[in-house]
PDB file of all heavy atoms in Angstrom:
ATOM      1  N   PHE A   1       9.568   4.850   4.459  1.00  0.00           N
ATOM      2  CA  PHE A   1       8.364   5.122   3.801  1.00  0.00           C
ATOM      3  C   PHE A   1       7.998   6.618   3.903  1.00  0.00           C
ATOM      4  O   PHE A   1       7.097   7.061   3.037  1.00  0.00           O
ATOM      5  CB  PHE A   1       7.262   4.191   4.328  1.00  0.00           C
ATOM      6  CG  PHE A   1       7.257   2.853   3.840  1.00  0.00           C
ATOM      7  CD1 PHE A   1       7.403   1.865   4.826  1.00  0.00           C
ATOM      8  CD2 PHE A   1       7.203   2.491   2.525  1.00  0.00           C
ATOM      9  CE1 PHE A   1       7.507   0.475   4.310  1.00  0.00           C
ATOM     10  CE2 PHE A   1       7.205   1.225   2.083  1.00  0.00           C
ATOM     11  CZ  PHE A   1       7.380   0.196   2.981  1.00  0.00           C
ATOM     12  N   VAL A   2       8.548   7.332   4.747  1.00  0.00           N
ATOM     13  CA  VAL A   2       8.333   8.825   4.780  1.00  0.00           C
ATOM     14  C   VAL A   2       8.724   9.357   3.431  1.00  0.00           C
ATOM     15  O   VAL A   2       8.194  10.438   2.916  1.00  0.00           O
ATOM     16  CB  VAL A   2       8.977   9.454   5.932  1.00  0.00           C
ATOM     17  CG1 VAL A   2       8.876  10.931   5.837  1.00  0.00           C
ATOM     18  CG2 VAL A   2       8.381   8.952   7.362  1.00  0.00           C
ATOM     19  N   GLU A   3       9.785   8.833   2.811  1.00  0.00           N
ATOM     20  CA  GLU A   3      10.299   9.328   1.570  1.00  0.00           C
ATOM     21  C   GLU A   3       9.506   8.682   0.325  1.00  0.00           C
ATOM     22  O   GLU A   3       9.843   9.001  -0.744  1.00  0.00           O
ATOM     23  CB  GLU A   3      11.746   9.048   1.356  1.00  0.00           C
ATOM     24  CG  GLU A   3      12.563   9.815   2.525  1.00  0.00           C
ATOM     25  CD  GLU A   3      13.999   9.329   2.627  1.00  0.00           C
ATOM     26  OE1 GLU A   3      14.431   8.584   1.728  1.00  0.00           O
ATOM     27  OE2 GLU A   3      14.717   9.699   3.495  1.00  0.00           O
ATOM     28  N   GLY A   4       8.668   7.737   0.616  1.00  0.00           N
ATOM     29  CA  GLY A   4       7.801   7.066  -0.365  1.00  0.00           C
ATOM     30  C   GLY A   4       6.639   7.830  -0.687  1.00  0.00           C
ATOM     31  O   GLY A   4       6.520   8.984  -0.331  1.00  0.00           O
ATOM     32  N   LEU A   5       5.676   7.117  -1.314  1.00  0.00           N
ATOM     33  CA  LEU A   5       4.373   7.771  -1.488  1.00  0.00           C
ATOM     34  C   LEU A   5       3.283   6.731  -1.339  1.00  0.00           C
ATOM     35  O   LEU A   5       3.484   5.593  -1.268  1.00  0.00           O
ATOM     36  CB  LEU A   5       4.317   8.372  -2.940  1.00  0.00           C
ATOM     37  CG  LEU A   5       4.525   7.588  -4.099  1.00  0.00           C
ATOM     38  CD1 LEU A   5       3.247   7.097  -4.699  1.00  0.00           C
ATOM     39  CD2 LEU A   5       5.323   8.331  -5.083  1.00  0.00           C
ATOM     40  N   ILE A   6       1.981   7.306  -1.319  1.00  0.00           N
ATOM     41  CA  ILE A   6       0.784   6.485  -1.199  1.00  0.00           C
ATOM     42  C   ILE A   6       0.017   6.711  -2.424  1.00  0.00           C
ATOM     43  O   ILE A   6      -0.192   7.912  -2.854  1.00  0.00           O
ATOM     44  CB  ILE A   6      -0.077   6.949   0.080  1.00  0.00           C
ATOM     45  CG1 ILE A   6       0.759   7.001   1.322  1.00  0.00           C
ATOM     46  CG2 ILE A   6      -1.281   6.050   0.254  1.00  0.00           C
ATOM     47  CD1 ILE A   6       0.083   7.986   2.407  1.00  0.00           C
ATOM     48  N   SER A   7      -0.424   5.653  -3.019  1.00  0.00           N
ATOM     49  CA  SER A   7      -1.118   5.642  -4.297  1.00  0.00           C
ATOM     50  C   SER A   7      -2.064   4.499  -4.421  1.00  0.00           C
ATOM     51  O   SER A   7      -1.650   3.403  -4.393  1.00  0.00           O
ATOM     52  CB  SER A   7      -0.160   5.812  -5.528  1.00  0.00           C
ATOM     53  OG  SER A   7      -0.925   5.889  -6.697  1.00  0.00           O
ATOM     54  N   ARG A   8      -3.292   4.793  -4.716  1.00  0.00           N
ATOM     55  CA  ARG A   8      -4.320   3.784  -5.091  1.00  0.00           C
ATOM     56  C   ARG A   8      -4.373   2.640  -3.969  1.00  0.00           C
ATOM     57  O   ARG A   8      -4.389   1.476  -4.327  1.00  0.00           O
ATOM     58  CB  ARG A   8      -4.162   3.262  -6.467  1.00  0.00           C
ATOM     59  CG  ARG A   8      -4.241   4.266  -7.524  1.00  0.00           C
ATOM     60  CD  ARG A   8      -4.075   3.743  -8.905  1.00  0.00           C
ATOM     61  NE  ARG A   8      -4.203   4.911  -9.780  1.00  0.00           N
ATOM     62  CZ  ARG A   8      -4.171   4.766 -11.168  1.00  0.00           C
ATOM     63  NH1 ARG A   8      -4.128   3.466 -11.568  1.00  0.00           N
ATOM     64  NH2 ARG A   8      -4.266   5.760 -11.865  1.00  0.00           N
ATOM     65  N   GLY A   9      -4.214   2.893  -2.741  1.00  0.00           N
ATOM     66  CA  GLY A   9      -4.294   1.936  -1.809  1.00  0.00           C
ATOM     67  C   GLY A   9      -3.042   1.331  -1.358  1.00  0.00           C
ATOM     68  O   GLY A   9      -2.959   0.263  -0.562  1.00  0.00           O
ATOM     69  N   TYR A  10      -1.796   1.739  -1.939  1.00  0.00           N
ATOM     70  CA  TYR A  10      -0.622   1.116  -1.732  1.00  0.00           C
ATOM     71  C   TYR A  10       0.404   2.192  -1.206  1.00  0.00           C
ATOM     72  O   TYR A  10       0.476   3.352  -1.613  1.00  0.00           O
ATOM     73  CB  TYR A  10      -0.084   0.434  -3.015  1.00  0.00           C
ATOM     74  CG  TYR A  10      -0.743  -0.688  -3.330  1.00  0.00           C
ATOM     75  CD1 TYR A  10      -1.780  -0.593  -4.222  1.00  0.00           C
ATOM     76  CD2 TYR A  10      -0.470  -2.028  -2.872  1.00  0.00           C
ATOM     77  CE1 TYR A  10      -2.573  -1.749  -4.592  1.00  0.00           C
ATOM     78  CE2 TYR A  10      -1.216  -3.132  -3.161  1.00  0.00           C
ATOM     79  CZ  TYR A  10      -2.177  -3.013  -4.045  1.00  0.00           C
ATOM     80  OH  TYR A  10      -2.908  -4.096  -4.417  1.00  0.00           O
ATOM     81  N   LEU A  11       1.253   1.694  -0.250  1.00  0.00           N
ATOM     82  CA  LEU A  11       2.386   2.474   0.231  1.00  0.00           C
ATOM     83  C   LEU A  11       3.544   1.981  -0.694  1.00  0.00           C
ATOM     84  O   LEU A  11       3.837   0.772  -0.684  1.00  0.00           O
ATOM     85  CB  LEU A  11       2.572   2.158   1.734  1.00  0.00           C
ATOM     86  CG  LEU A  11       3.666   2.917   2.493  1.00  0.00           C
ATOM     87  CD1 LEU A  11       3.566   4.466   2.357  1.00  0.00           C
ATOM     88  CD2 LEU A  11       3.680   2.471   4.014  1.00  0.00           C
ATOM     89  N   ILE A  12       4.334   2.924  -1.202  1.00  0.00           N
ATOM     90  CA  ILE A  12       5.397   2.547  -2.189  1.00  0.00           C
ATOM     91  C   ILE A  12       6.718   2.901  -1.575  1.00  0.00           C
ATOM     92  O   ILE A  12       6.962   4.142  -1.172  1.00  0.00           O
ATOM     93  CB  ILE A  12       5.114   3.226  -3.442  1.00  0.00           C
ATOM     94  CG1 ILE A  12       3.695   2.831  -4.034  1.00  0.00           C
ATOM     95  CG2 ILE A  12       6.291   2.907  -4.472  1.00  0.00           C
ATOM     96  CD1 ILE A  12       3.223   3.513  -5.217  1.00  0.00           C
ATOM     97  N   CYS A  13       7.696   1.907  -1.509  1.00  0.00           N
ATOM     98  CA  CYS A  13       8.912   2.087  -0.931  1.00  0.00           C
ATOM     99  C   CYS A  13       9.806   3.049  -1.895  1.00  0.00           C
ATOM    100  O   CYS A  13       9.838   2.754  -3.100  1.00  0.00           O
ATOM    101  CB  CYS A  13       9.608   0.731  -0.870  1.00  0.00           C
ATOM    102  SG  CYS A  13      11.318   0.820  -0.161  1.00  0.00           S
ATOM    103  N   PRO A  14      10.514   4.003  -1.363  1.00  0.00           N
ATOM    104  CA  PRO A  14      11.329   4.855  -2.157  1.00  0.00           C
ATOM    105  C   PRO A  14      12.677   4.163  -2.739  1.00  0.00           C
ATOM    106  O   PRO A  14      13.163   4.689  -3.572  1.00  0.00           O
ATOM    107  CB  PRO A  14      11.701   5.985  -1.248  1.00  0.00           C
ATOM    108  CG  PRO A  14      11.704   5.350   0.131  1.00  0.00           C
ATOM    109  CD  PRO A  14      10.603   4.256   0.085  1.00  0.00           C
ATOM    110  N   VAL A  15      12.951   3.000  -2.208  1.00  0.00           N
ATOM    111  CA  VAL A  15      14.171   2.361  -2.592  1.00  0.00           C
ATOM    112  C   VAL A  15      14.035   1.614  -3.907  1.00  0.00           C
ATOM    113  O   VAL A  15      14.706   1.792  -4.898  1.00  0.00           O
ATOM    114  CB  VAL A  15      14.822   1.460  -1.606  1.00  0.00           C
ATOM    115  CG1 VAL A  15      16.059   0.725  -1.926  1.00  0.00           C
ATOM    116  CG2 VAL A  15      15.157   2.310  -0.246  1.00  0.00           C
ATOM    117  N   HIS A  16      13.093   0.624  -3.887  1.00  0.00           N
ATOM    118  CA  HIS A  16      12.947  -0.214  -5.115  1.00  0.00           C
ATOM    119  C   HIS A  16      11.461  -0.211  -5.663  1.00  0.00           C
ATOM    120  O   HIS A  16      11.064  -1.022  -6.472  1.00  0.00           O
ATOM    121  CB  HIS A  16      13.243  -1.636  -4.733  1.00  0.00           C
ATOM    122  CG  HIS A  16      14.654  -1.877  -4.500  1.00  0.00           C
ATOM    123  ND1 HIS A  16      15.079  -2.296  -3.162  1.00  0.00           N
ATOM    124  CD2 HIS A  16      15.729  -1.776  -5.310  1.00  0.00           C
ATOM    125  CE1 HIS A  16      16.449  -2.427  -3.293  1.00  0.00           C
ATOM    126  NE2 HIS A  16      16.884  -2.146  -4.550  1.00  0.00           N
ATOM    127  N   ALA A  17      10.608   0.745  -5.094  1.00  0.00           N
ATOM    128  CA  ALA A  17       9.333   0.971  -5.677  1.00  0.00           C
ATOM    129  C   ALA A  17       8.419  -0.328  -5.389  1.00  0.00           C
ATOM    130  O   ALA A  17       7.378  -0.480  -6.086  1.00  0.00           O
ATOM    131  CB  ALA A  17       9.271   1.353  -7.139  1.00  0.00           C
ATOM    132  N   TRP A  18       8.752  -1.081  -4.408  1.00  0.00           N
ATOM    133  CA  TRP A  18       7.817  -2.153  -3.984  1.00  0.00           C
ATOM    134  C   TRP A  18       6.674  -1.547  -3.307  1.00  0.00           C
ATOM    135  O   TRP A  18       6.775  -0.592  -2.623  1.00  0.00           O
ATOM    136  CB  TRP A  18       8.519  -2.980  -2.916  1.00  0.00           C
ATOM    137  CG  TRP A  18       9.593  -3.989  -3.505  1.00  0.00           C
ATOM    138  CD1 TRP A  18      10.205  -3.864  -4.835  1.00  0.00           C
ATOM    139  CD2 TRP A  18      10.144  -5.127  -3.012  1.00  0.00           C
ATOM    140  NE1 TRP A  18      11.116  -4.830  -4.960  1.00  0.00           N
ATOM    141  CE2 TRP A  18      11.151  -5.698  -3.826  1.00  0.00           C
ATOM    142  CE3 TRP A  18       9.827  -5.786  -1.788  1.00  0.00           C
ATOM    143  CZ2 TRP A  18      11.831  -6.798  -3.484  1.00  0.00           C
ATOM    144  CZ3 TRP A  18      10.594  -6.999  -1.570  1.00  0.00           C
ATOM    145  CH2 TRP A  18      11.557  -7.538  -2.457  1.00  0.00           C
ATOM    146  N   SER A  19       5.514  -2.178  -3.489  1.00  0.00           N
ATOM    147  CA  SER A  19       4.182  -1.596  -2.972  1.00  0.00           C
ATOM    148  C   SER A  19       3.593  -2.566  -2.060  1.00  0.00           C
ATOM    149  O   SER A  19       3.614  -3.781  -2.241  1.00  0.00           O
ATOM    150  CB  SER A  19       3.226  -1.243  -4.162  1.00  0.00           C
ATOM    151  OG  SER A  19       2.971  -2.327  -4.957  1.00  0.00           O
ATOM    152  N   PHE A  20       2.919  -2.013  -1.075  1.00  0.00           N
ATOM    153  CA  PHE A  20       2.312  -2.761   0.088  1.00  0.00           C
ATOM    154  C   PHE A  20       0.977  -2.094   0.239  1.00  0.00           C
ATOM    155  O   PHE A  20       0.760  -0.966   0.422  1.00  0.00           O
ATOM    156  CB  PHE A  20       3.122  -2.683   1.322  1.00  0.00           C
ATOM    157  CG  PHE A  20       4.523  -3.219   1.172  1.00  0.00           C
ATOM    158  CD1 PHE A  20       5.543  -2.388   0.739  1.00  0.00           C
ATOM    159  CD2 PHE A  20       4.795  -4.519   1.564  1.00  0.00           C
ATOM    160  CE1 PHE A  20       6.893  -2.939   0.620  1.00  0.00           C
ATOM    161  CE2 PHE A  20       6.065  -5.035   1.417  1.00  0.00           C
ATOM    162  CZ  PHE A  20       7.085  -4.229   1.000  1.00  0.00           C
ATOM    163  N   ASP A  21      -0.069  -3.027   0.419  1.00  0.00           N
ATOM    164  CA  ASP A  21      -1.435  -2.541   0.646  1.00  0.00           C
ATOM    165  C   ASP A  21      -1.499  -1.823   1.974  1.00  0.00           C
ATOM    166  O   ASP A  21      -0.975  -2.385   3.026  1.00  0.00           O
ATOM    167  CB  ASP A  21      -2.406  -3.886   0.681  1.00  0.00           C
ATOM    168  CG  ASP A  21      -3.709  -3.420   0.875  1.00  0.00           C
ATOM    169  OD1 ASP A  21      -4.159  -3.083   2.024  1.00  0.00           O
ATOM    170  OD2 ASP A  21      -4.598  -3.762  -0.100  1.00  0.00           O
ATOM    171  N   VAL A  22      -2.086  -0.720   2.066  1.00  0.00           N
ATOM    172  CA  VAL A  22      -1.981   0.122   3.336  1.00  0.00           C
ATOM    173  C   VAL A  22      -2.783  -0.417   4.300  1.00  0.00           C
ATOM    174  O   VAL A  22      -2.631  -0.060   5.520  1.00  0.00           O
ATOM    175  CB  VAL A  22      -2.429   1.531   3.048  1.00  0.00           C
ATOM    176  CG1 VAL A  22      -1.424   2.234   2.132  1.00  0.00           C
ATOM    177  CG2 VAL A  22      -3.816   1.692   2.497  1.00  0.00           C
ATOM    178  N   THR A  23      -3.881  -1.294   4.008  1.00  0.00           N
ATOM    179  CA  THR A  23      -4.680  -1.907   5.061  1.00  0.00           C
ATOM    180  C   THR A  23      -4.090  -3.195   5.579  1.00  0.00           C
ATOM    181  O   THR A  23      -4.199  -3.474   6.842  1.00  0.00           O
ATOM    182  CB  THR A  23      -6.111  -2.146   4.615  1.00  0.00           C
ATOM    183  OG1 THR A  23      -6.344  -1.472   3.393  1.00  0.00           O
ATOM    184  CG2 THR A  23      -7.098  -1.472   5.608  1.00  0.00           C
ATOM    185  N   THR A  24      -3.612  -4.097   4.739  1.00  0.00           N
ATOM    186  CA  THR A  24      -3.251  -5.397   5.118  1.00  0.00           C
ATOM    187  C   THR A  24      -1.771  -5.541   5.260  1.00  0.00           C
ATOM    188  O   THR A  24      -1.292  -6.553   5.892  1.00  0.00           O
ATOM    189  CB  THR A  24      -3.785  -6.445   4.118  1.00  0.00           C
ATOM    190  OG1 THR A  24      -2.957  -6.220   2.822  1.00  0.00           O
ATOM    191  CG2 THR A  24      -5.204  -6.401   3.854  1.00  0.00           C
ATOM    192  N   GLY A  25      -0.988  -4.711   4.504  1.00  0.00           N
ATOM    193  CA  GLY A  25       0.497  -4.865   4.559  1.00  0.00           C
ATOM    194  C   GLY A  25       1.077  -5.812   3.452  1.00  0.00           C
ATOM    195  O   GLY A  25       2.176  -5.867   3.276  1.00  0.00           O
ATOM    196  N   ALA A  26       0.077  -6.488   2.720  1.00  0.00           N
ATOM    197  CA  ALA A  26       0.620  -7.449   1.747  1.00  0.00           C
ATOM    198  C   ALA A  26       1.014  -6.836   0.497  1.00  0.00           C
ATOM    199  O   ALA A  26       0.557  -5.739   0.150  1.00  0.00           O
ATOM    200  CB  ALA A  26      -0.554  -8.455   1.622  1.00  0.00           C
ATOM    201  N   MET A  27       1.911  -7.573  -0.152  1.00  0.00           N
ATOM    202  CA  MET A  27       2.351  -7.122  -1.475  1.00  0.00           C
ATOM    203  C   MET A  27       1.395  -7.713  -2.547  1.00  0.00           C
ATOM    204  O   MET A  27       0.877  -8.669  -2.315  1.00  0.00           O
ATOM    205  CB  MET A  27       3.758  -7.615  -1.887  1.00  0.00           C
ATOM    206  CG  MET A  27       4.852  -6.925  -0.995  1.00  0.00           C
ATOM    207  SD  MET A  27       6.512  -7.580  -1.456  1.00  0.00           S
ATOM    208  CE  MET A  27       6.635  -6.744  -3.067  1.00  0.00           C
ATOM    209  N   PRO A  28       1.182  -6.968  -3.679  1.00  0.00           N
ATOM    210  CA  PRO A  28       0.246  -7.578  -4.763  1.00  0.00           C
ATOM    211  C   PRO A  28       0.917  -8.877  -5.239  1.00  0.00           C
ATOM    212  O   PRO A  28       2.142  -8.833  -5.382  1.00  0.00           O
ATOM    213  CB  PRO A  28       0.146  -6.493  -5.760  1.00  0.00           C
ATOM    214  CG  PRO A  28       1.135  -5.471  -5.387  1.00  0.00           C
ATOM    215  CD  PRO A  28       1.588  -5.572  -4.037  1.00  0.00           C
ATOM    216  N   GLY A  29       0.179  -9.797  -5.543  1.00  0.00           N
ATOM    217  CA  GLY A  29       0.669 -11.171  -6.109  1.00  0.00           C
ATOM    218  C   GLY A  29       1.169 -12.015  -5.011  1.00  0.00           C
ATOM    219  O   GLY A  29       1.758 -13.121  -5.285  1.00  0.00           O
ATOM    220  N   GLY A  30       1.319 -11.582  -3.858  1.00  0.00           N
ATOM    221  CA  GLY A  30       1.801 -12.412  -2.669  1.00  0.00           C
ATOM    222  C   GLY A  30       3.246 -12.350  -2.633  1.00  0.00           C
ATOM    223  O   GLY A  30       4.018 -12.214  -3.658  1.00  0.00           O
ATOM    224  N   SER A  31       3.804 -12.554  -1.447  1.00  0.00           N
ATOM    225  CA  SER A  31       5.307 -12.408  -1.175  1.00  0.00           C
ATOM    226  C   SER A  31       5.383 -12.917   0.312  1.00  0.00           C
ATOM    227  O   SER A  31       4.500 -12.768   1.046  1.00  0.00           O
ATOM    228  CB  SER A  31       5.893 -11.027  -1.411  1.00  0.00           C
ATOM    229  OG  SER A  31       7.184 -10.998  -0.981  1.00  0.00           O
ATOM    230  N   THR A  32       6.633 -13.148   0.655  1.00  0.00           N
ATOM    231  CA  THR A  32       6.947 -13.428   2.027  1.00  0.00           C
ATOM    232  C   THR A  32       7.251 -12.024   2.781  1.00  0.00           C
ATOM    233  O   THR A  32       7.182 -12.097   3.940  1.00  0.00           O
ATOM    234  CB  THR A  32       8.143 -14.327   2.273  1.00  0.00           C
ATOM    235  OG1 THR A  32       9.261 -13.702   1.539  1.00  0.00           O
ATOM    236  CG2 THR A  32       8.003 -15.712   1.740  1.00  0.00           C
ATOM    237  N   PHE A  33       7.333 -10.983   2.039  1.00  0.00           N
ATOM    238  CA  PHE A  33       7.567  -9.748   2.579  1.00  0.00           C
ATOM    239  C   PHE A  33       6.101  -9.098   2.871  1.00  0.00           C
ATOM    240  O   PHE A  33       5.268  -9.202   1.958  1.00  0.00           O
ATOM    241  CB  PHE A  33       8.282  -8.743   1.658  1.00  0.00           C
ATOM    242  CG  PHE A  33       9.751  -9.107   1.576  1.00  0.00           C
ATOM    243  CD1 PHE A  33      10.177  -9.703   0.480  1.00  0.00           C
ATOM    244  CD2 PHE A  33      10.698  -8.868   2.639  1.00  0.00           C
ATOM    245  CE1 PHE A  33      11.514  -9.929   0.217  1.00  0.00           C
ATOM    246  CE2 PHE A  33      11.978  -9.023   2.537  1.00  0.00           C
ATOM    247  CZ  PHE A  33      12.432  -9.575   1.343  1.00  0.00           C
ATOM    248  N   CYS A  34       5.949  -8.531   4.091  1.00  0.00           N
ATOM    249  CA  CYS A  34       4.642  -8.057   4.504  1.00  0.00           C
ATOM    250  C   CYS A  34       4.929  -6.971   5.558  1.00  0.00           C
ATOM    251  O   CYS A  34       5.809  -7.115   6.451  1.00  0.00           O
ATOM    252  CB  CYS A  34       3.751  -9.135   5.061  1.00  0.00           C
ATOM    253  SG  CYS A  34       2.096  -8.542   5.411  1.00  0.00           S
ATOM    254  N   LEU A  35       4.236  -5.869   5.510  1.00  0.00           N
ATOM    255  CA  LEU A  35       4.309  -4.896   6.527  1.00  0.00           C
ATOM    256  C   LEU A  35       3.464  -5.155   7.714  1.00  0.00           C
ATOM    257  O   LEU A  35       2.497  -5.845   7.691  1.00  0.00           O
ATOM    258  CB  LEU A  35       3.771  -3.519   5.983  1.00  0.00           C
ATOM    259  CG  LEU A  35       4.566  -2.828   4.797  1.00  0.00           C
ATOM    260  CD1 LEU A  35       3.949  -1.520   4.457  1.00  0.00           C
ATOM    261  CD2 LEU A  35       6.041  -2.721   5.120  1.00  0.00           C
ATOM    262  N   ILE A  36       3.996  -4.684   8.887  1.00  0.00           N
ATOM    263  CA  ILE A  36       3.256  -4.752  10.071  1.00  0.00           C
ATOM    264  C   ILE A  36       2.276  -3.620   9.966  1.00  0.00           C
ATOM    265  O   ILE A  36       2.583  -2.392   9.827  1.00  0.00           O
ATOM    266  CB  ILE A  36       4.140  -4.724  11.349  1.00  0.00           C
ATOM    267  CG1 ILE A  36       5.120  -5.803  11.400  1.00  0.00           C
ATOM    268  CG2 ILE A  36       3.243  -4.582  12.612  1.00  0.00           C
ATOM    269  CD1 ILE A  36       6.171  -5.658  12.344  1.00  0.00           C
ATOM    270  N   THR A  37       1.026  -3.841  10.229  1.00  0.00           N
ATOM    271  CA  THR A  37      -0.017  -2.842  10.200  1.00  0.00           C
ATOM    272  C   THR A  37      -0.731  -2.699  11.545  1.00  0.00           C
ATOM    273  O   THR A  37      -0.684  -3.642  12.380  1.00  0.00           O
ATOM    274  CB  THR A  37      -1.116  -3.085   9.180  1.00  0.00           C
ATOM    275  OG1 THR A  37      -1.686  -4.271   9.345  1.00  0.00           O
ATOM    276  CG2 THR A  37      -0.521  -3.023   7.695  1.00  0.00           C
ATOM    277  N   TYR A  38      -1.304  -1.558  11.804  1.00  0.00           N
ATOM    278  CA  TYR A  38      -1.922  -1.281  13.137  1.00  0.00           C
ATOM    279  C   TYR A  38      -3.348  -0.685  12.798  1.00  0.00           C
ATOM    280  O   TYR A  38      -3.566  -0.005  11.802  1.00  0.00           O
ATOM    281  CB  TYR A  38      -1.162  -0.284  13.818  1.00  0.00           C
ATOM    282  CG  TYR A  38       0.237  -0.778  14.084  1.00  0.00           C
ATOM    283  CD1 TYR A  38       1.301  -0.612  13.144  1.00  0.00           C
ATOM    284  CD2 TYR A  38       0.557  -1.470  15.267  1.00  0.00           C
ATOM    285  CE1 TYR A  38       2.573  -1.092  13.417  1.00  0.00           C
ATOM    286  CE2 TYR A  38       1.759  -1.935  15.498  1.00  0.00           C
ATOM    287  CZ  TYR A  38       2.778  -1.783  14.505  1.00  0.00           C
ATOM    288  OH  TYR A  38       4.051  -2.324  14.733  1.00  0.00           O
ATOM    289  N   ALA A  39      -4.286  -1.006  13.776  1.00  0.00           N
ATOM    290  CA  ALA A  39      -5.650  -0.564  13.708  1.00  0.00           C
ATOM    291  C   ALA A  39      -5.622   1.003  13.897  1.00  0.00           C
ATOM    292  O   ALA A  39      -4.837   1.487  14.695  1.00  0.00           O
ATOM    293  CB  ALA A  39      -6.512  -1.186  14.686  1.00  0.00           C
ATOM    294  N   VAL A  40      -6.466   1.768  13.229  1.00  0.00           N
ATOM    295  CA  VAL A  40      -6.509   3.189  13.351  1.00  0.00           C
ATOM    296  C   VAL A  40      -8.064   3.597  13.436  1.00  0.00           C
ATOM    297  O   VAL A  40      -8.924   2.834  13.036  1.00  0.00           O
ATOM    298  CB  VAL A  40      -5.984   3.928  12.102  1.00  0.00           C
ATOM    299  CG1 VAL A  40      -4.376   3.684  11.989  1.00  0.00           C
ATOM    300  CG2 VAL A  40      -6.590   3.730  10.787  1.00  0.00           C
ATOM    301  N   ARG A  41      -8.242   4.755  14.026  1.00  0.00           N
ATOM    302  CA  ARG A  41      -9.535   5.324  14.164  1.00  0.00           C
ATOM    303  C   ARG A  41      -9.449   6.852  14.286  1.00  0.00           C
ATOM    304  O   ARG A  41      -8.334   7.310  14.747  1.00  0.00           O
ATOM    305  CB  ARG A  41     -10.401   4.846  15.250  1.00  0.00           C
ATOM    306  CG  ARG A  41      -9.942   5.269  16.651  1.00  0.00           C
ATOM    307  CD  ARG A  41     -10.837   4.701  17.713  1.00  0.00           C
ATOM    308  NE  ARG A  41     -10.402   5.210  19.105  1.00  0.00           N
ATOM    309  CZ  ARG A  41     -10.997   4.837  20.114  1.00  0.00           C
ATOM    310  NH1 ARG A  41     -11.827   3.835  20.148  1.00  0.00           N
ATOM    311  NH2 ARG A  41     -10.569   5.367  21.305  1.00  0.00           N
ATOM    312  N   VAL A  42     -10.362   7.493  13.889  1.00  0.00           N
ATOM    313  CA  VAL A  42     -10.517   8.993  14.023  1.00  0.00           C
ATOM    314  C   VAL A  42     -11.242   9.270  15.285  1.00  0.00           C
ATOM    315  O   VAL A  42     -12.463   8.733  15.359  1.00  0.00           O
ATOM    316  CB  VAL A  42     -11.084   9.744  12.825  1.00  0.00           C
ATOM    317  CG1 VAL A  42     -11.303  11.131  13.063  1.00  0.00           C
ATOM    318  CG2 VAL A  42     -10.187   9.429  11.529  1.00  0.00           C
ATOM    319  N   ASN A  43     -10.713   9.981  16.114  1.00  0.00           N
ATOM    320  CA  ASN A  43     -11.464  10.433  17.385  1.00  0.00           C
ATOM    321  C   ASN A  43     -11.405  11.911  17.490  1.00  0.00           C
ATOM    322  O   ASN A  43     -10.403  12.512  17.816  1.00  0.00           O
ATOM    323  CB  ASN A  43     -10.753   9.767  18.597  1.00  0.00           C
ATOM    324  CG  ASN A  43     -11.650   9.931  19.792  1.00  0.00           C
ATOM    325  OD1 ASN A  43     -12.752  10.468  19.854  1.00  0.00           O
ATOM    326  ND2 ASN A  43     -11.063   9.518  20.874  1.00  0.00           N
TER     327      ASN A  43
END
């Protein structure tokens, strides 16, 4: 994903352009593929 990009709330894979919601890890439209996400905060 470092070679991908972030756009409109989605992290986009550089290999097949699959997109994942940056907050939930889910793909639009549902899929069994999902990213592991982590809680973040600014301190």
